C-alpha atoms as a PDB file:
ATOM      1  CA  MET A   1       3.101   6.624 -10.795  1.00  0.00           C
ATOM      2  CA  LYS A   2       6.903   6.163 -10.770  1.00  0.00           C
ATOM      3  CA  ASP A   3       7.341   8.963 -13.300  1.00  0.00           C
ATOM      4  CA  GLN A   4       5.240  11.366 -11.253  1.00  0.00           C
ATOM      5  CA  ARG A   5       7.170  10.602  -8.056  1.00  0.00           C
ATOM      6  CA  ALA A   6      10.525  10.991  -9.823  1.00  0.00           C
ATOM      7  CA  GLN A   7       9.384  14.288 -11.328  1.00  0.00           C
ATOM      8  CA  GLN A   8       8.382  15.621  -7.902  1.00  0.00           C
ATOM      9  CA  GLU A   9      11.762  14.659  -6.415  1.00  0.00           C
ATOM     10  CA  ILE A  10      13.620  16.472  -9.209  1.00  0.00           C
ATOM     11  CA  GLU A  11      11.360  19.542  -9.024  1.00  0.00           C
ATOM     12  CA  TYR A  12      12.284  19.890  -5.354  1.00  0.00           C
ATOM     13  CA  VAL A  13      15.847  20.955  -6.283  1.00  0.00           C
ATOM     14  CA  LEU A  14      15.044  23.001  -9.401  1.00  0.00           C
ATOM     15  CA  GLU A  15      15.585  26.737  -9.609  1.00  0.00           C
ATOM     16  CA  PRO A  16      12.637  28.933 -10.679  1.00  0.00           C
ATOM     17  CA  GLY A  17      12.422  29.131 -14.462  1.00  0.00           C
ATOM     18  CA  THR A  18      13.423  25.508 -15.014  1.00  0.00           C
ATOM     19  CA  GLN A  19      10.961  22.686 -15.609  1.00  0.00           C
ATOM     20  CA  VAL A  20      11.238  18.919 -15.767  1.00  0.00           C
ATOM     21  CA  VAL A  21       8.890  16.283 -17.139  1.00  0.00           C
ATOM     22  CA  VAL A  22       9.471  12.601 -16.494  1.00  0.00           C
ATOM     23  CA  SER A  23       7.863  10.240 -18.981  1.00  0.00           C
ATOM     24  CA  GLU A  24       8.604   6.523 -19.301  1.00  0.00           C
ATOM     25  CA  GLY A  25      11.732   6.974 -17.178  1.00  0.00           C
ATOM     26  CA  VAL A  26      13.143   9.853 -19.240  1.00  0.00           C
ATOM     27  CA  ALA A  27      13.626  13.152 -17.392  1.00  0.00           C
ATOM     28  CA  THR A  28      13.512  16.105 -19.787  1.00  0.00           C
ATOM     29  CA  PHE A  29      14.600  19.566 -18.618  1.00  0.00           C
ATOM     30  CA  THR A  30      13.392  22.771 -20.273  1.00  0.00           C
ATOM     31  CA  GLY A  31      13.574  26.434 -19.366  1.00  0.00           C
ATOM     32  CA  THR A  32      16.596  28.284 -18.053  1.00  0.00           C
ATOM     33  CA  PHE A  33      19.099  27.415 -15.354  1.00  0.00           C
ATOM     34  CA  PRO A  34      20.743  30.373 -13.583  1.00  0.00           C
ATOM     35  CA  ASP A  35      24.209  28.831 -14.012  1.00  0.00           C
ATOM     36  CA  GLU A  36      26.033  25.704 -15.127  1.00  0.00           C
ATOM     37  CA  GLU A  37      26.449  24.451 -11.557  1.00  0.00           C
ATOM     38  CA  SER A  38      22.671  24.403 -11.024  1.00  0.00           C
ATOM     39  CA  MET A  39      22.198  22.545 -14.292  1.00  0.00           C
ATOM     40  CA  LYS A  40      24.761  19.869 -13.391  1.00  0.00           C
ATOM     41  CA  GLU A  41      23.239  19.452  -9.923  1.00  0.00           C
ATOM     42  CA  ALA A  42      19.764  18.937 -11.378  1.00  0.00           C
ATOM     43  CA  GLU A  43      21.067  16.396 -13.903  1.00  0.00           C
ATOM     44  CA  GLN A  44      22.912  14.469 -11.172  1.00  0.00           C
ATOM     45  CA  THR A  45      19.832  14.499  -8.966  1.00  0.00           C
ATOM     46  CA  ALA A  46      17.695  13.164 -11.821  1.00  0.00           C
ATOM     47  CA  ARG A  47      20.153  10.374 -12.585  1.00  0.00           C
ATOM     48  CA  SER A  48      20.242   9.309  -8.932  1.00  0.00           C
ATOM     49  CA  ILE A  49      16.464   8.851  -8.649  1.00  0.00           C
ATOM     50  CA  LYS A  50      15.102   5.350  -8.895  1.00  0.00           C
ATOM     51  CA  GLY A  51      13.041   4.940 -12.052  1.00  0.00           C
ATOM     52  CA  VAL A  52      14.909   7.552 -14.118  1.00  0.00           C
ATOM     53  CA  LYS A  53      16.616   5.769 -17.004  1.00  0.00           C
ATOM     54  CA  SER A  54      18.001   8.777 -18.853  1.00  0.00           C
ATOM     55  CA  VAL A  55      18.170  12.569 -18.794  1.00  0.00           C
ATOM     56  CA  VAL A  56      17.530  14.892 -21.742  1.00  0.00           C
ATOM     57  CA  ASN A  57      18.492  18.511 -21.195  1.00  0.00           C
ATOM     58  CA  LYS A  58      16.812  21.016 -23.506  1.00  0.00           C
ATOM     59  CA  ALA A  59      17.274  23.870 -21.024  1.00  0.00           C
ATOM     60  CA  SER A  60      19.682  26.755 -21.428  1.00  0.00           C
ATOM     61  CA  ILE A  61      21.879  28.703 -19.040  1.00  0.00           C
ATOM     62  CA  ALA A  62      20.953  32.311 -18.304  1.00  0.00           C
ATOM     63  CA  HIS A  63      23.382  34.831 -19.710  1.00  0.00           C
ATOM     64  CA  LYS A  64      24.383  37.339 -17.114  1.00  0.00           C
ATOM     65  CA  VAL A  65      24.647  40.854 -18.423  1.00  0.00           C
ATOM     66  CA  GLN A  66      27.847  42.537 -17.386  1.00  0.00           C
ATOM     67  CA  THR A  67      28.390  46.238 -17.681  1.00  0.00           C
ATOM     68  CA  ALA A  68      31.872  47.539 -18.243  1.00  0.00           C
ATOM     69  CA  VAL A  69      33.068  50.728 -16.657  1.00  0.00           C
ATOM     70  CA  ASP A  70      35.710  52.616 -18.573  1.00  0.00           C
ATOM     71  CA  SER A  71      37.941  54.255 -15.996  1.00  0.00           C
ATOM     72  CA  ASN A  72      39.561  56.477 -18.640  1.00  0.00           C
ATOM     73  CA  VAL A  73      36.367  58.432 -19.297  1.00  0.00           C
ATOM     74  CA  PRO A  74      36.067  61.453 -17.029  1.00  0.00           C
ATOM     75  CA  ALA A  75      32.874  61.711 -14.983  1.00  0.00           C
ATOM     76  CA  LYS A  76      30.457  64.426 -16.030  1.00  0.00           C
END
């Protein structure tokens, strides 16, 4: 019951695309965080919840695709 409650509290702050499972006091993140700040916030939230003993992060951070514009190329 403690694990389920802790999991629900963590899920409340998670971004779409990121999942957490709490089992025997261990919160495990999977999926993709939009940025490093979101990942750190989720980890801190998990650590602050009563019943969570440790945090395992198997999630990744989304890579934002940037397009470069070369200003030296004349427009067609």
